[in-house]
Amino acid sequence: LVSDVGAPGLALQLCEPAFCGIEVSSPYVTAGAGAKLG
């Protein structure tokens, strides 16, 4: 929830492909920070 006047500073969003991959190598799975939980 952001104030109506906005927020100062920088919002970092790790949503580019480098941070959204999911790799499975049973029994392990590696996921980037931006991958959705669903």
ModelCIF file with pLDDT and N, C-alpha, C, O atoms, coordinates in Angstrom:
data_MODEL
#
_entry.id   MODEL 
#
_entity.id                         1 
_entity.type                       polymer 
_entity.pdbx_number_of_molecules   1 
#
_entity_poly.entity_id                      1 
_entity_poly.type                           'polypeptide(L)' 
_entity_poly.nstd_linkage                   no 
_entity_poly.nstd_monomer                   no 
_entity_poly.pdbx_seq_one_letter_code       LVSDVGAPGLALQLCEPAFCGIEVSSPYVTAGAGAKLG 
_entity_poly.pdbx_seq_one_letter_code_can   LVSDVGAPGLALQLCEPAFCGIEVSSPYVTAGAGAKLG 
_entity_poly.pdbx_strand_id                 A 
#
loop_
_entity_poly_seq.entity_id 
_entity_poly_seq.num 
_entity_poly_seq.mon_id 
_entity_poly_seq.hetero 
1 1  LEU n 
1 2  VAL n 
1 3  SER n 
1 4  ASP n 
1 5  VAL n 
1 6  GLY n 
1 7  ALA n 
1 8  PRO n 
1 9  GLY n 
1 10 LEU n 
1 11 ALA n 
1 12 LEU n 
1 13 GLN n 
1 14 LEU n 
1 15 CYS n 
1 16 GLU n 
1 17 PRO n 
1 18 ALA n 
1 19 PHE n 
1 20 CYS n 
1 21 GLY n 
1 22 ILE n 
1 23 GLU n 
1 24 VAL n 
1 25 SER n 
1 26 SER n 
1 27 PRO n 
1 28 TYR n 
1 29 VAL n 
1 30 THR n 
1 31 ALA n 
1 32 GLY n 
1 33 ALA n 
1 34 GLY n 
1 35 ALA n 
1 36 LYS n 
1 37 LEU n 
1 38 GLY n 
#
_struct_asym.id          A 
_struct_asym.entity_id   1 
#
loop_
_ma_qa_metric.id 
_ma_qa_metric.mode 
_ma_qa_metric.name 
_ma_qa_metric.software_group_id 
_ma_qa_metric.type 
1 global pLDDT . pLDDT 
2 local  pLDDT . pLDDT 
#
_ma_qa_metric_global.metric_id      1 
_ma_qa_metric_global.metric_value   97.16 
_ma_qa_metric_global.model_id       1 
_ma_qa_metric_global.ordinal_id     1 
#
loop_
_ma_qa_metric_local.label_asym_id 
_ma_qa_metric_local.label_comp_id 
_ma_qa_metric_local.label_seq_id 
_ma_qa_metric_local.metric_id 
_ma_qa_metric_local.metric_value 
_ma_qa_metric_local.model_id 
_ma_qa_metric_local.ordinal_id 
A LEU 1  2 97.00 1 1  
A VAL 2  2 96.00 1 2  
A SER 3  2 95.00 1 3  
A ASP 4  2 95.00 1 4  
A VAL 5  2 96.00 1 5  
A GLY 6  2 96.00 1 6  
A ALA 7  2 96.00 1 7  
A PRO 8  2 96.00 1 8  
A GLY 9  2 97.00 1 9  
A LEU 10 2 98.00 1 10 
A ALA 11 2 98.00 1 11 
A LEU 12 2 98.00 1 12 
A GLN 13 2 98.00 1 13 
A LEU 14 2 98.00 1 14 
A CYS 15 2 97.00 1 15 
A GLU 16 2 98.00 1 16 
A PRO 17 2 98.00 1 17 
A ALA 18 2 98.00 1 18 
A PHE 19 2 98.00 1 19 
A CYS 20 2 98.00 1 20 
A GLY 21 2 98.00 1 21 
A ILE 22 2 98.00 1 22 
A GLU 23 2 98.00 1 23 
A VAL 24 2 97.00 1 24 
A SER 25 2 96.00 1 25 
A SER 26 2 95.00 1 26 
A PRO 27 2 97.00 1 27 
A TYR 28 2 98.00 1 28 
A VAL 29 2 98.00 1 29 
A THR 30 2 98.00 1 30 
A ALA 31 2 98.00 1 31 
A GLY 32 2 98.00 1 32 
A ALA 33 2 98.00 1 33 
A GLY 34 2 98.00 1 34 
A ALA 35 2 98.00 1 35 
A LYS 36 2 97.00 1 36 
A LEU 37 2 96.00 1 37 
A GLY 38 2 95.00 1 38 
#
loop_
_atom_site.group_PDB 
_atom_site.id 
_atom_site.type_symbol 
_atom_site.label_atom_id 
_atom_site.label_alt_id 
_atom_site.label_comp_id 
_atom_site.label_asym_id 
_atom_site.label_entity_id 
_atom_site.label_seq_id 
_atom_site.pdbx_PDB_ins_code 
_atom_site.Cartn_x 
_atom_site.Cartn_y 
_atom_site.Cartn_z 
_atom_site.occupancy 
_atom_site.B_iso_or_equiv 
_atom_site.pdbx_formal_charge 
_atom_site.auth_seq_id 
_atom_site.auth_comp_id 
_atom_site.auth_asym_id 
_atom_site.auth_atom_id 
_atom_site.pdbx_PDB_model_num 
ATOM 1   N N  . LEU A 1 1  ? 0.859  -1.179  0.000   1.00 97.00 ? 1  LEU A N  1 
ATOM 2   C CA . LEU A 1 1  ? 0.000  0.000   0.000   1.00 97.00 ? 1  LEU A CA 1 
ATOM 3   C C  . LEU A 1 1  ? 0.894  1.226   0.000   1.00 97.00 ? 1  LEU A C  1 
ATOM 4   O O  . LEU A 1 1  ? 1.689  1.420   0.919   1.00 97.00 ? 1  LEU A O  1 
ATOM 5   N N  . VAL A 1 2  ? 0.766  2.053   -1.027  1.00 96.00 ? 2  VAL A N  1 
ATOM 6   C CA . VAL A 1 2  ? 1.608  3.243   -1.165  1.00 96.00 ? 2  VAL A CA 1 
ATOM 7   C C  . VAL A 1 2  ? 0.784  4.487   -0.863  1.00 96.00 ? 2  VAL A C  1 
ATOM 8   O O  . VAL A 1 2  ? -0.380 4.582   -1.254  1.00 96.00 ? 2  VAL A O  1 
ATOM 9   N N  . SER A 1 3  ? 1.389  5.428   -0.172  1.00 95.00 ? 3  SER A N  1 
ATOM 10  C CA . SER A 1 3  ? 0.729  6.693   0.163   1.00 95.00 ? 3  SER A CA 1 
ATOM 11  C C  . SER A 1 3  ? 0.186  7.379   -1.080  1.00 95.00 ? 3  SER A C  1 
ATOM 12  O O  . SER A 1 3  ? 0.699  7.191   -2.183  1.00 95.00 ? 3  SER A O  1 
ATOM 13  N N  . ASP A 1 4  ? -0.849 8.169   -0.889  1.00 95.00 ? 4  ASP A N  1 
ATOM 14  C CA . ASP A 1 4  ? -1.432 8.912   -2.008  1.00 95.00 ? 4  ASP A CA 1 
ATOM 15  C C  . ASP A 1 4  ? -0.450 9.900   -2.629  1.00 95.00 ? 4  ASP A C  1 
ATOM 16  O O  . ASP A 1 4  ? -0.585 10.248  -3.802  1.00 95.00 ? 4  ASP A O  1 
ATOM 17  N N  . VAL A 1 5  ? 0.539  10.355  -1.857  1.00 96.00 ? 5  VAL A N  1 
ATOM 18  C CA . VAL A 1 5  ? 1.525  11.300  -2.396  1.00 96.00 ? 5  VAL A CA 1 
ATOM 19  C C  . VAL A 1 5  ? 2.707  10.581  -3.035  1.00 96.00 ? 5  VAL A C  1 
ATOM 20  O O  . VAL A 1 5  ? 3.595  11.217  -3.602  1.00 96.00 ? 5  VAL A O  1 
ATOM 21  N N  . GLY A 1 6  ? 2.716  9.241   -2.941  1.00 96.00 ? 6  GLY A N  1 
ATOM 22  C CA . GLY A 1 6  ? 3.795  8.472   -3.547  1.00 96.00 ? 6  GLY A CA 1 
ATOM 23  C C  . GLY A 1 6  ? 4.856  8.075   -2.544  1.00 96.00 ? 6  GLY A C  1 
ATOM 24  O O  . GLY A 1 6  ? 4.691  8.266   -1.339  1.00 96.00 ? 6  GLY A O  1 
ATOM 25  N N  . ALA A 1 7  ? 5.949  7.520   -3.047  1.00 96.00 ? 7  ALA A N  1 
ATOM 26  C CA . ALA A 1 7  ? 7.024  7.045   -2.180  1.00 96.00 ? 7  ALA A CA 1 
ATOM 27  C C  . ALA A 1 7  ? 8.377  7.478   -2.734  1.00 96.00 ? 7  ALA A C  1 
ATOM 28  O O  . ALA A 1 7  ? 8.623  7.360   -3.934  1.00 96.00 ? 7  ALA A O  1 
ATOM 29  N N  . PRO A 1 8  ? 9.258  7.980   -1.861  1.00 96.00 ? 8  PRO A N  1 
ATOM 30  C CA . PRO A 1 8  ? 10.589 8.371   -2.315  1.00 96.00 ? 8  PRO A CA 1 
ATOM 31  C C  . PRO A 1 8  ? 11.482 7.157   -2.506  1.00 96.00 ? 8  PRO A C  1 
ATOM 32  O O  . PRO A 1 8  ? 11.153 6.056   -2.065  1.00 96.00 ? 8  PRO A O  1 
ATOM 33  N N  . GLY A 1 9  ? 12.609 7.366   -3.164  1.00 97.00 ? 9  GLY A N  1 
ATOM 34  C CA . GLY A 1 9  ? 13.572 6.291   -3.314  1.00 97.00 ? 9  GLY A CA 1 
ATOM 35  C C  . GLY A 1 9  ? 13.337 5.444   -4.549  1.00 97.00 ? 9  GLY A C  1 
ATOM 36  O O  . GLY A 1 9  ? 12.646 5.850   -5.484  1.00 97.00 ? 9  GLY A O  1 
ATOM 37  N N  . LEU A 1 10 ? 13.927 4.259   -4.532  1.00 98.00 ? 10 LEU A N  1 
ATOM 38  C CA . LEU A 1 10 ? 13.903 3.362   -5.695  1.00 98.00 ? 10 LEU A CA 1 
ATOM 39  C C  . LEU A 1 10 ? 13.218 2.051   -5.354  1.00 98.00 ? 10 LEU A C  1 
ATOM 40  O O  . LEU A 1 10 ? 13.532 1.413   -4.350  1.00 98.00 ? 10 LEU A O  1 
ATOM 41  N N  . ALA A 1 11 ? 12.279 1.658   -6.202  1.00 98.00 ? 11 ALA A N  1 
ATOM 42  C CA . ALA A 1 11 ? 11.647 0.337   -6.078  1.00 98.00 ? 11 ALA A CA 1 
ATOM 43  C C  . ALA A 1 11 ? 12.362 -0.613  -7.023  1.00 98.00 ? 11 ALA A C  1 
ATOM 44  O O  . ALA A 1 11 ? 12.407 -0.380  -8.231  1.00 98.00 ? 11 ALA A O  1 
ATOM 45  N N  . LEU A 1 12 ? 12.915 -1.676  -6.478  1.00 98.00 ? 12 LEU A N  1 
ATOM 46  C CA . LEU A 1 12 ? 13.642 -2.680  -7.251  1.00 98.00 ? 12 LEU A CA 1 
ATOM 47  C C  . LEU A 1 12 ? 12.704 -3.840  -7.558  1.00 98.00 ? 12 LEU A C  1 
ATOM 48  O O  . LEU A 1 12 ? 12.184 -4.481  -6.645  1.00 98.00 ? 12 LEU A O  1 
ATOM 49  N N  . GLN A 1 13 ? 12.488 -4.107  -8.831  1.00 98.00 ? 13 GLN A N  1 
ATOM 50  C CA . GLN A 1 13 ? 11.602 -5.198  -9.222  1.00 98.00 ? 13 GLN A CA 1 
ATOM 51  C C  . GLN A 1 13 ? 12.389 -6.211  -10.063 1.00 98.00 ? 13 GLN A C  1 
ATOM 52  O O  . GLN A 1 13 ? 12.833 -5.902  -11.169 1.00 98.00 ? 13 GLN A O  1 
ATOM 53  N N  . LEU A 1 14 ? 12.552 -7.411  -9.527  1.00 98.00 ? 14 LEU A N  1 
ATOM 54  C CA . LEU A 1 14 ? 13.318 -8.458  -10.207 1.00 98.00 ? 14 LEU A CA 1 
ATOM 55  C C  . LEU A 1 14 ? 12.364 -9.290  -11.054 1.00 98.00 ? 14 LEU A C  1 
ATOM 56  O O  . LEU A 1 14 ? 12.028 -10.423 -10.708 1.00 98.00 ? 14 LEU A O  1 
ATOM 57  N N  . CYS A 1 15 ? 11.936 -8.708  -12.167 1.00 97.00 ? 15 CYS A N  1 
ATOM 58  C CA . CYS A 1 15 ? 10.913 -9.340  -12.995 1.00 97.00 ? 15 CYS A CA 1 
ATOM 59  C C  . CYS A 1 15 ? 11.396 -9.660  -14.406 1.00 97.00 ? 15 CYS A C  1 
ATOM 60  O O  . CYS A 1 15 ? 10.626 -10.172 -15.218 1.00 97.00 ? 15 CYS A O  1 
ATOM 61  N N  . GLU A 1 16 ? 12.647 -9.371  -14.706 1.00 98.00 ? 16 GLU A N  1 
ATOM 62  C CA . GLU A 1 16 ? 13.194 -9.690  -16.022 1.00 98.00 ? 16 GLU A CA 1 
ATOM 63  C C  . GLU A 1 16 ? 13.518 -11.181 -16.100 1.00 98.00 ? 16 GLU A C  1 
ATOM 64  O O  . GLU A 1 16 ? 13.645 -11.835 -15.064 1.00 98.00 ? 16 GLU A O  1 
ATOM 65  N N  . PRO A 1 17 ? 13.655 -11.733 -17.313 1.00 98.00 ? 17 PRO A N  1 
ATOM 66  C CA . PRO A 1 17 ? 13.857 -13.187 -17.478 1.00 98.00 ? 17 PRO A CA 1 
ATOM 67  C C  . PRO A 1 17 ? 14.969 -13.782 -16.625 1.00 98.00 ? 17 PRO A C  1 
ATOM 68  O O  . PRO A 1 17 ? 14.850 -14.923 -16.180 1.00 98.00 ? 17 PRO A O  1 
ATOM 69  N N  . ALA A 1 18 ? 16.053 -13.037 -16.385 1.00 98.00 ? 18 ALA A N  1 
ATOM 70  C CA . ALA A 1 18 ? 17.179 -13.565 -15.611 1.00 98.00 ? 18 ALA A CA 1 
ATOM 71  C C  . ALA A 1 18 ? 16.779 -13.937 -14.189 1.00 98.00 ? 18 ALA A C  1 
ATOM 72  O O  . ALA A 1 18 ? 17.464 -14.722 -13.534 1.00 98.00 ? 18 ALA A O  1 
ATOM 73  N N  . PHE A 1 19 ? 15.652 -13.365 -13.703 1.00 98.00 ? 19 PHE A N  1 
ATOM 74  C CA . PHE A 1 19 ? 15.228 -13.604 -12.319 1.00 98.00 ? 19 PHE A CA 1 
ATOM 75  C C  . PHE A 1 19 ? 13.923 -14.398 -12.223 1.00 98.00 ? 19 PHE A C  1 
ATOM 76  O O  . PHE A 1 19 ? 13.375 -14.546 -11.131 1.00 98.00 ? 19 PHE A O  1 
ATOM 77  N N  . CYS A 1 20 ? 13.429 -14.902 -13.329 1.00 98.00 ? 20 CYS A N  1 
ATOM 78  C CA . CYS A 1 20 ? 12.111 -15.549 -13.306 1.00 98.00 ? 20 CYS A CA 1 
ATOM 79  C C  . CYS A 1 20 ? 12.125 -17.018 -13.722 1.00 98.00 ? 20 CYS A C  1 
ATOM 80  O O  . CYS A 1 20 ? 11.067 -17.633 -13.855 1.00 98.00 ? 20 CYS A O  1 
ATOM 81  N N  . GLY A 1 21 ? 13.295 -17.574 -13.925 1.00 98.00 ? 21 GLY A N  1 
ATOM 82  C CA . GLY A 1 21 ? 13.365 -18.960 -14.378 1.00 98.00 ? 21 GLY A CA 1 
ATOM 83  C C  . GLY A 1 21 ? 13.063 -19.972 -13.281 1.00 98.00 ? 21 GLY A C  1 
ATOM 84  O O  . GLY A 1 21 ? 13.230 -19.692 -12.094 1.00 98.00 ? 21 GLY A O  1 
ATOM 85  N N  . ILE A 1 22 ? 12.616 -21.148 -13.698 1.00 98.00 ? 22 ILE A N  1 
ATOM 86  C CA . ILE A 1 22 ? 12.411 -22.283 -12.796 1.00 98.00 ? 22 ILE A CA 1 
ATOM 87  C C  . ILE A 1 22 ? 13.067 -23.501 -13.441 1.00 98.00 ? 22 ILE A C  1 
ATOM 88  O O  . ILE A 1 22 ? 12.707 -23.885 -14.554 1.00 98.00 ? 22 ILE A O  1 
ATOM 89  N N  . GLU A 1 23 ? 14.022 -24.105 -12.749 1.00 98.00 ? 23 GLU A N  1 
ATOM 90  C CA . GLU A 1 23 ? 14.744 -25.264 -13.269 1.00 98.00 ? 23 GLU A CA 1 
ATOM 91  C C  . GLU A 1 23 ? 14.559 -26.446 -12.321 1.00 98.00 ? 23 GLU A C  1 
ATOM 92  O O  . GLU A 1 23 ? 14.773 -26.328 -11.115 1.00 98.00 ? 23 GLU A O  1 
ATOM 93  N N  . VAL A 1 24 ? 14.161 -27.580 -12.881 1.00 97.00 ? 24 VAL A N  1 
ATOM 94  C CA . VAL A 1 24 ? 13.924 -28.780 -12.082 1.00 97.00 ? 24 VAL A CA 1 
ATOM 95  C C  . VAL A 1 24 ? 15.005 -29.808 -12.353 1.00 97.00 ? 24 VAL A C  1 
ATOM 96  O O  . VAL A 1 24 ? 15.273 -30.145 -13.506 1.00 97.00 ? 24 VAL A O  1 
ATOM 97  N N  . SER A 1 25 ? 15.629 -30.307 -11.290 1.00 96.00 ? 25 SER A N  1 
ATOM 98  C CA . SER A 1 25 ? 16.592 -31.397 -11.357 1.00 96.00 ? 25 SER A CA 1 
ATOM 99  C C  . SER A 1 25 ? 16.344 -32.251 -10.129 1.00 96.00 ? 25 SER A C  1 
ATOM 100 O O  . SER A 1 25 ? 17.022 -32.109 -9.112  1.00 96.00 ? 25 SER A O  1 
ATOM 101 N N  . SER A 1 26 ? 15.365 -33.141 -10.232 1.00 95.00 ? 26 SER A N  1 
ATOM 102 C CA . SER A 1 26 ? 14.824 -33.891 -9.093  1.00 95.00 ? 26 SER A CA 1 
ATOM 103 C C  . SER A 1 26 ? 15.932 -34.451 -8.197  1.00 95.00 ? 26 SER A C  1 
ATOM 104 O O  . SER A 1 26 ? 16.894 -35.036 -8.695  1.00 95.00 ? 26 SER A O  1 
ATOM 105 N N  . PRO A 1 27 ? 15.801 -34.275 -6.877  1.00 97.00 ? 27 PRO A N  1 
ATOM 106 C CA . PRO A 1 27 ? 14.654 -33.735 -6.135  1.00 97.00 ? 27 PRO A CA 1 
ATOM 107 C C  . PRO A 1 27 ? 14.726 -32.218 -5.908  1.00 97.00 ? 27 PRO A C  1 
ATOM 108 O O  . PRO A 1 27 ? 14.012 -31.680 -5.062  1.00 97.00 ? 27 PRO A O  1 
ATOM 109 N N  . TYR A 1 28 ? 15.587 -31.536 -6.666  1.00 98.00 ? 28 TYR A N  1 
ATOM 110 C CA . TYR A 1 28 ? 15.763 -30.096 -6.457  1.00 98.00 ? 28 TYR A CA 1 
ATOM 111 C C  . TYR A 1 28 ? 14.997 -29.290 -7.501  1.00 98.00 ? 28 TYR A C  1 
ATOM 112 O O  . TYR A 1 28 ? 14.772 -29.746 -8.623  1.00 98.00 ? 28 TYR A O  1 
ATOM 113 N N  . VAL A 1 29 ? 14.606 -28.091 -7.107  1.00 98.00 ? 29 VAL A N  1 
ATOM 114 C CA . VAL A 1 29 ? 14.071 -27.114 -8.055  1.00 98.00 ? 29 VAL A CA 1 
ATOM 115 C C  . VAL A 1 29 ? 14.643 -25.753 -7.672  1.00 98.00 ? 29 VAL A C  1 
ATOM 116 O O  . VAL A 1 29 ? 14.596 -25.351 -6.509  1.00 98.00 ? 29 VAL A O  1 
ATOM 117 N N  . THR A 1 30 ? 15.177 -25.057 -8.659  1.00 98.00 ? 30 THR A N  1 
ATOM 118 C CA . THR A 1 30 ? 15.757 -23.729 -8.429  1.00 98.00 ? 30 THR A CA 1 
ATOM 119 C C  . THR A 1 30 ? 14.883 -22.692 -9.112  1.00 98.00 ? 30 THR A C  1 
ATOM 120 O O  . THR A 1 30 ? 14.537 -22.838 -10.284 1.00 98.00 ? 30 THR A O  1 
ATOM 121 N N  . ALA A 1 31 ? 14.529 -21.653 -8.383  1.00 98.00 ? 31 ALA A N  1 
ATOM 122 C CA . ALA A 1 31 ? 13.637 -20.622 -8.918  1.00 98.00 ? 31 ALA A CA 1 
ATOM 123 C C  . ALA A 1 31 ? 14.233 -19.245 -8.691  1.00 98.00 ? 31 ALA A C  1 
ATOM 124 O O  . ALA A 1 31 ? 14.804 -18.967 -7.636  1.00 98.00 ? 31 ALA A O  1 
ATOM 125 N N  . GLY A 1 32 ? 14.095 -18.387 -9.690  1.00 98.00 ? 32 GLY A N  1 
ATOM 126 C CA . GLY A 1 32 ? 14.525 -17.005 -9.549  1.00 98.00 ? 32 GLY A CA 1 
ATOM 127 C C  . GLY A 1 32 ? 13.598 -16.239 -8.630  1.00 98.00 ? 32 GLY A C  1 
ATOM 128 O O  . GLY A 1 32 ? 12.453 -16.637 -8.413  1.00 98.00 ? 32 GLY A O  1 
ATOM 129 N N  . ALA A 1 33 ? 14.098 -15.134 -8.090  1.00 98.00 ? 33 ALA A N  1 
ATOM 130 C CA . ALA A 1 33 ? 13.327 -14.344 -7.128  1.00 98.00 ? 33 ALA A CA 1 
ATOM 131 C C  . ALA A 1 33 ? 12.022 -13.834 -7.705  1.00 98.00 ? 33 ALA A C  1 
ATOM 132 O O  . ALA A 1 33 ? 11.044 -13.672 -6.976  1.00 98.00 ? 33 ALA A O  1 
ATOM 133 N N  . GLY A 1 34 ? 11.995 -13.577 -9.018  1.00 98.00 ? 34 GLY A N  1 
ATOM 134 C CA . GLY A 1 34 ? 10.798 -13.005 -9.626  1.00 98.00 ? 34 GLY A CA 1 
ATOM 135 C C  . GLY A 1 34 ? 9.776  -14.010 -10.080 1.00 98.00 ? 34 GLY A C  1 
ATOM 136 O O  . GLY A 1 34 ? 8.702  -13.626 -10.542 1.00 98.00 ? 34 GLY A O  1 
ATOM 137 N N  . ALA A 1 35 ? 10.078 -15.308 -9.961  1.00 98.00 ? 35 ALA A N  1 
ATOM 138 C CA . ALA A 1 35 ? 9.103  -16.331 -10.355 1.00 98.00 ? 35 ALA A CA 1 
ATOM 139 C C  . ALA A 1 35 ? 7.894  -16.280 -9.427  1.00 98.00 ? 35 ALA A C  1 
ATOM 140 O O  . ALA A 1 35 ? 8.040  -16.122 -8.215  1.00 98.00 ? 35 ALA A O  1 
ATOM 141 N N  . LYS A 1 36 ? 6.713  -16.412 -9.993  1.00 97.00 ? 36 LYS A N  1 
ATOM 142 C CA . LYS A 1 36 ? 5.483  -16.366 -9.188  1.00 97.00 ? 36 LYS A CA 1 
ATOM 143 C C  . LYS A 1 36 ? 5.334  -17.669 -8.394  1.00 97.00 ? 36 LYS A C  1 
ATOM 144 O O  . LYS A 1 36 ? 5.686  -18.746 -8.875  1.00 97.00 ? 36 LYS A O  1 
ATOM 145 N N  . LEU A 1 37 ? 4.809  -17.553 -7.177  1.00 96.00 ? 37 LEU A N  1 
ATOM 146 C CA . LEU A 1 37 ? 4.624  -18.731 -6.326  1.00 96.00 ? 37 LEU A CA 1 
ATOM 147 C C  . LEU A 1 37 ? 3.683  -19.741 -6.968  1.00 96.00 ? 37 LEU A C  1 
ATOM 148 O O  . LEU A 1 37 ? 3.909  -20.948 -6.877  1.00 96.00 ? 37 LEU A O  1 
ATOM 149 N N  . GLY A 1 38 ? 2.628  -19.253 -7.615  1.00 95.00 ? 38 GLY A N  1 
ATOM 150 C CA . GLY A 1 38 ? 1.691  -20.164 -8.267  1.00 95.00 ? 38 GLY A CA 1 
ATOM 151 C C  . GLY A 1 38 ? 2.352  -20.949 -9.385  1.00 95.00 ? 38 GLY A C  1 
ATOM 152 O O  . GLY A 1 38 ? 1.699  -21.763 -10.038 1.00 95.00 ? 38 GLY A O  1 
#
